[in-house]
Amino acid sequence: MRLSSKPGPRGSVLAGLRQSGAFKAVFPRAAPLPGGTPLDAVLVNTAGGITGGDRFCCTLEAGAGSHLRVTTQAAERAYRAQPGETGQVANRLRVAPGARLDWLPQETILFEGCRLDRSLVVDLAPGARLLLVEPLVFGRAAMGETLRAARFRDRIEIRRGGVPLYLDALRFEGDVAAQLARPAVAAGAGALASLVLVAPEAAAHLAPIRTLLPATGGASLLAGDVLALRLLAPDSYHLRKVLIPVLTRLTEALPRSWMT
């Protein structure tokens, strides 16, 4: 999939869209925000989830002066894979000068036996703004599921003008529950979220956001305009209970799919 936005007379509009396979985008009407009306795009996986052998690629471009907000219809699911097969997801974001892109997917839920490799690469032009969140849930807690044989590899790269701003990698393989139980890893948490804000007002958000976080969350400035946050929680319910107020502060209003 390739999707791009541009400024329009009444806010940001679709500049281009090319899609095929099970990965689709729909465009609900966006509510006006203080800075203007963004283009809202909701990604839908009509296959119902990801399993071994699947390949999904997505390139999103916020054109100069536009505001693109991208979320998902529901939580993504990484299902059990056949031996020797691994699902792959490669996402690429490009944000032009004076543009803003909000990458706001709902949770990715890892099922027992899943194998998933995922990457997210962000290229920012000078003067571009970014809000990025990646929530992750390890197993279906309501069903008593724990991950004893799974694999998940994830990498996030954010660069501005070719210079790294944020590089992060996660790797869990085998008995994931045992790895999460380690005090230096997650102390038994069943869900986590990573969030990055690149914006001139990042420093002003730091203290208010810290007041919203429990002891299992932390936020800091990597640079004057780069705020990074990591949050651990027992499950997806408690993760959302903290994450939604944080995101609401940073977005003024979350996309509707987050609230249904």
Protein backbone atom coordinates (compact mmCIF):
# COMPACT_ATOMS: atom_id res chain seq x y z
CA MET A 1 0.00 0.00 0.00
CA ARG A 2 1.09 3.56 -0.76
CA LEU A 3 -0.89 6.48 0.64
CA SER A 4 -0.12 10.20 0.59
CA SER A 5 -1.74 13.45 1.71
CA LYS A 6 -1.63 17.08 0.60
CA PRO A 7 -3.21 20.38 1.71
CA GLY A 8 -6.70 21.15 0.44
CA PRO A 9 -9.02 24.15 0.66
CA ARG A 10 -10.73 22.80 3.80
CA GLY A 11 -7.92 20.79 5.35
CA SER A 12 -5.70 17.90 4.34
CA VAL A 13 -6.89 15.62 1.54
CA LEU A 14 -5.85 12.45 -0.22
CA ALA A 15 -3.04 12.98 -2.73
CA GLY A 16 -2.55 9.39 -3.85
CA LEU A 17 -3.55 5.84 -2.99
CA ARG A 18 -2.40 2.51 -4.35
CA GLN A 19 -3.37 -0.70 -2.60
CA SER A 20 -3.76 -4.39 -3.27
CA GLY A 21 -4.25 -7.61 -1.35
CA ALA A 22 -5.74 -7.77 2.13
CA PHE A 23 -4.35 -4.45 3.38
CA LYS A 24 -6.83 -1.62 2.70
CA ALA A 25 -7.44 1.97 3.79
CA VAL A 26 -10.76 3.72 4.38
CA PHE A 27 -11.26 7.42 5.02
CA PRO A 28 -13.86 8.44 7.60
CA ARG A 29 -14.70 12.11 7.89
CA ALA A 30 -12.19 13.76 10.21
CA ALA A 31 -13.23 16.19 12.94
CA PRO A 32 -11.58 19.63 12.78
CA LEU A 33 -8.74 20.12 15.25
CA PRO A 34 -7.28 23.43 16.49
CA GLY A 35 -4.57 23.25 13.83
CA GLY A 36 -6.98 22.37 10.99
CA THR A 37 -8.71 19.30 9.64
CA PRO A 38 -6.40 16.29 9.14
CA LEU A 39 -6.83 13.47 6.66
CA ASP A 40 -7.85 10.43 8.71
CA ALA A 41 -7.01 7.01 7.27
CA VAL A 42 -8.05 3.73 8.90
CA LEU A 43 -6.09 0.63 7.90
CA VAL A 44 -8.07 -2.59 7.60
CA ASN A 45 -6.58 -6.08 7.29
CA THR A 46 -9.34 -8.03 5.57
CA ALA A 47 -7.43 -11.26 6.21
CA GLY A 48 -8.25 -10.88 9.89
CA GLY A 49 -4.67 -11.11 11.11
CA ILE A 50 -1.09 -12.08 10.29
CA THR A 51 0.38 -15.55 10.17
CA GLY A 52 3.55 -17.20 8.91
CA GLY A 53 4.30 -16.45 5.26
CA ASP A 54 2.26 -13.22 5.15
CA ARG A 55 3.95 -10.10 3.76
CA PHE A 56 2.51 -6.66 4.39
CA CYS A 57 4.13 -3.40 3.24
CA CYS A 58 2.83 0.10 3.81
CA THR A 59 4.32 3.46 2.74
CA LEU A 60 2.70 6.64 4.05
CA GLU A 61 3.67 10.15 2.96
CA ALA A 62 2.47 13.40 4.53
CA GLY A 63 3.01 16.04 1.86
CA ALA A 64 4.33 19.51 2.67
CA GLY A 65 1.91 21.45 4.86
CA SER A 66 -0.52 18.54 5.36
CA HIS A 67 -1.61 16.55 8.40
CA LEU A 68 -2.10 12.79 8.01
CA ARG A 69 -3.47 10.63 10.84
CA VAL A 70 -3.35 6.86 10.43
CA THR A 71 -4.87 4.27 12.74
CA THR A 72 -6.29 0.75 12.48
CA GLN A 73 -9.87 -0.47 12.56
CA ALA A 74 -9.14 -2.79 15.49
CA ALA A 75 -6.27 -4.60 17.18
CA GLU A 76 -4.00 -6.52 14.82
CA ARG A 77 -3.49 -10.21 15.59
CA ALA A 78 -0.38 -12.28 15.00
CA TYR A 79 -1.59 -15.89 14.78
CA ARG A 80 0.19 -19.22 15.15
CA ALA A 81 2.58 -19.85 12.25
CA GLN A 82 3.53 -23.07 10.56
CA PRO A 83 7.07 -24.38 11.27
CA GLY A 84 9.69 -22.46 9.30
CA GLU A 85 7.32 -19.63 8.35
CA THR A 86 7.45 -16.03 9.61
CA GLY A 87 5.05 -13.18 8.96
CA GLN A 88 6.64 -9.89 7.92
CA VAL A 89 5.35 -6.32 8.21
CA ALA A 90 7.37 -3.41 6.80
CA ASN A 91 6.03 0.13 7.32
CA ARG A 92 7.66 3.30 6.02
CA LEU A 93 6.62 6.85 6.92
CA ARG A 94 7.79 10.01 5.15
CA VAL A 95 6.95 13.47 6.46
CA ALA A 96 7.69 16.55 4.34
CA PRO A 97 8.61 20.05 5.59
CA GLY A 98 5.78 21.65 7.54
CA ALA A 99 3.79 18.40 7.59
CA ARG A 100 2.58 16.27 10.47
CA LEU A 101 1.98 12.53 10.58
CA ASP A 102 0.28 10.72 13.46
CA TRP A 103 0.91 6.95 13.43
CA LEU A 104 -1.73 5.63 15.85
CA PRO A 105 -2.31 1.89 15.35
CA GLN A 106 -4.25 0.01 17.97
CA GLU A 107 -2.67 -2.96 19.75
CA THR A 108 -0.85 -5.80 18.09
CA ILE A 109 -1.78 -8.99 19.96
CA LEU A 110 0.71 -11.84 19.85
CA PHE A 111 -0.84 -15.34 19.95
CA GLU A 112 0.90 -18.49 21.18
CA GLY A 113 2.99 -19.96 18.35
CA CYS A 114 3.20 -16.72 16.35
CA ARG A 115 6.29 -15.69 14.40
CA LEU A 116 6.39 -12.05 13.35
CA ASP A 117 9.15 -9.73 12.11
CA ARG A 118 8.14 -6.08 11.94
CA SER A 119 9.90 -2.85 11.04
CA LEU A 120 8.93 0.82 11.04
CA VAL A 121 11.21 3.35 9.35
CA VAL A 122 10.42 7.08 9.55
CA ASP A 123 12.07 9.77 7.43
CA LEU A 124 11.44 13.31 8.67
CA ALA A 125 12.28 16.45 6.75
CA PRO A 126 13.42 19.52 8.73
CA GLY A 127 10.36 21.14 10.25
CA ALA A 128 8.28 17.94 10.08
CA ARG A 129 6.24 16.76 13.07
CA LEU A 130 5.56 13.19 14.19
CA LEU A 131 3.48 11.38 16.80
CA LEU A 132 4.07 7.63 16.87
CA VAL A 133 2.74 4.93 19.14
CA GLU A 134 3.08 1.13 19.04
CA PRO A 135 1.03 -0.80 21.62
CA LEU A 136 1.85 -4.50 22.02
CA VAL A 137 0.00 -7.25 23.94
CA PHE A 138 1.60 -10.60 24.82
CA GLY A 139 -1.17 -13.19 24.64
CA ARG A 140 -4.89 -13.09 25.38
CA ALA A 141 -4.98 -12.55 29.12
CA ALA A 142 -8.76 -12.97 29.33
CA MET A 143 -8.34 -16.52 28.01
CA GLY A 144 -5.43 -17.31 30.30
CA GLU A 145 -3.01 -17.51 27.38
CA THR A 146 0.72 -17.21 28.01
CA LEU A 147 3.37 -17.24 25.31
CA ARG A 148 5.62 -20.25 25.78
CA ALA A 149 6.65 -20.71 22.15
CA ALA A 150 6.56 -17.55 20.06
CA ARG A 151 8.84 -15.16 18.21
CA PHE A 152 8.55 -11.40 17.78
CA ARG A 153 11.18 -9.08 16.36
CA ASP A 154 10.50 -5.37 16.05
CA ARG A 155 12.60 -2.39 15.00
CA ILE A 156 11.74 1.33 14.92
CA GLU A 157 14.02 3.86 13.22
CA ILE A 158 13.31 7.60 13.12
CA ARG A 159 15.67 9.84 11.17
CA ARG A 160 15.58 13.56 10.41
CA GLY A 161 17.55 14.69 7.41
CA GLY A 162 19.32 11.31 7.51
CA VAL A 163 20.43 11.77 11.14
CA PRO A 164 19.11 9.22 13.68
CA LEU A 165 16.70 10.60 16.28
CA TYR A 166 15.38 7.34 17.73
CA LEU A 167 16.46 3.72 17.25
CA ASP A 168 14.74 0.94 19.17
CA ALA A 169 14.60 -2.84 18.81
CA LEU A 170 12.70 -5.60 20.62
CA ARG A 171 13.34 -9.32 20.35
CA PHE A 172 11.41 -12.08 22.08
CA GLU A 173 11.81 -15.72 21.14
CA GLY A 174 10.91 -19.06 22.71
CA ASP A 175 9.43 -18.84 26.21
CA VAL A 176 8.32 -15.21 25.99
CA ALA A 177 6.48 -15.33 29.33
CA ALA A 178 9.71 -16.29 31.10
CA GLN A 179 11.56 -13.44 29.40
CA LEU A 180 8.87 -10.94 30.39
CA ALA A 181 9.00 -12.15 33.99
CA ARG A 182 12.58 -10.95 34.39
CA PRO A 183 12.76 -7.80 36.55
CA ALA A 184 15.13 -6.09 34.11
CA VAL A 185 12.85 -6.85 31.13
CA ALA A 186 9.20 -6.34 32.09
CA ALA A 187 8.75 -7.69 35.65
CA GLY A 188 5.82 -9.83 34.52
CA ALA A 189 3.97 -7.22 32.44
CA GLY A 190 1.67 -8.54 29.72
CA ALA A 191 1.53 -5.43 27.56
CA LEU A 192 3.73 -2.50 26.59
CA ALA A 193 3.64 0.63 24.48
CA SER A 194 6.33 2.78 22.91
CA LEU A 195 5.55 6.41 22.03
CA VAL A 196 7.61 9.12 20.35
CA LEU A 197 6.68 12.76 19.77
CA VAL A 198 8.80 14.96 17.51
CA ALA A 199 7.47 18.51 17.74
CA PRO A 200 8.61 21.95 18.95
CA GLU A 201 6.29 21.67 21.98
CA ALA A 202 7.66 18.28 23.10
CA ALA A 203 9.41 19.69 26.17
CA ALA A 204 6.21 21.42 27.33
CA HIS A 205 4.38 18.07 27.33
CA LEU A 206 6.98 16.22 29.43
CA ALA A 207 5.92 17.21 32.96
CA PRO A 208 2.13 16.87 32.36
CA ILE A 209 2.59 13.45 30.75
CA ARG A 210 4.73 12.21 33.61
CA THR A 211 1.83 12.96 35.97
CA LEU A 212 -0.35 10.60 33.90
CA LEU A 213 2.07 7.67 34.12
CA PRO A 214 2.14 4.89 36.72
CA ALA A 215 5.35 3.57 38.26
CA THR A 216 5.68 1.20 35.30
CA GLY A 217 5.92 4.04 32.77
CA GLY A 218 8.57 6.61 32.01
CA ALA A 219 9.04 9.58 29.69
CA SER A 220 12.11 11.63 28.84
CA LEU A 221 13.48 14.08 26.30
CA LEU A 222 15.99 12.69 23.82
CA ALA A 223 16.41 16.20 22.40
CA GLY A 224 14.66 19.52 22.86
CA ASP A 225 11.90 18.52 20.47
CA VAL A 226 11.94 14.72 20.86
CA LEU A 227 9.95 13.06 23.65
CA ALA A 228 10.09 9.28 24.16
CA LEU A 229 7.83 7.19 26.41
CA ARG A 230 7.70 3.53 27.40
CA LEU A 231 4.80 2.04 29.30
CA LEU A 232 4.35 -1.42 30.84
CA ALA A 233 1.00 -2.79 32.01
CA PRO A 234 -0.51 -6.10 33.18
CA ASP A 235 -2.80 -6.34 30.13
CA SER A 236 -4.38 -4.37 27.31
CA TYR A 237 -7.11 -2.90 29.53
CA HIS A 238 -4.64 -1.29 31.92
CA LEU A 239 -2.42 -0.25 29.02
CA ARG A 240 -5.28 1.65 27.37
CA LYS A 241 -6.36 3.16 30.67
CA VAL A 242 -3.07 5.08 30.75
CA LEU A 243 -2.34 5.40 27.04
CA ILE A 244 -5.63 7.00 25.95
CA PRO A 245 -5.28 10.07 28.24
CA VAL A 246 -1.68 10.51 27.08
CA LEU A 247 -2.62 10.28 23.40
CA THR A 248 -5.63 12.54 23.89
CA ARG A 249 -3.37 15.22 25.29
CA LEU A 250 -1.05 14.95 22.30
CA THR A 251 -3.74 14.71 19.59
CA GLU A 252 -6.59 16.84 21.02
CA ALA A 253 -8.98 14.08 19.84
CA LEU A 254 -8.20 10.44 19.07
CA PRO A 255 -9.59 8.82 15.91
CA ARG A 256 -13.03 7.30 16.49
CA SER A 257 -11.87 3.70 16.10
CA TRP A 258 -9.87 4.06 19.33
CA MET A 259 -13.01 4.89 21.28
CA THR A 260 -15.34 2.12 20.05
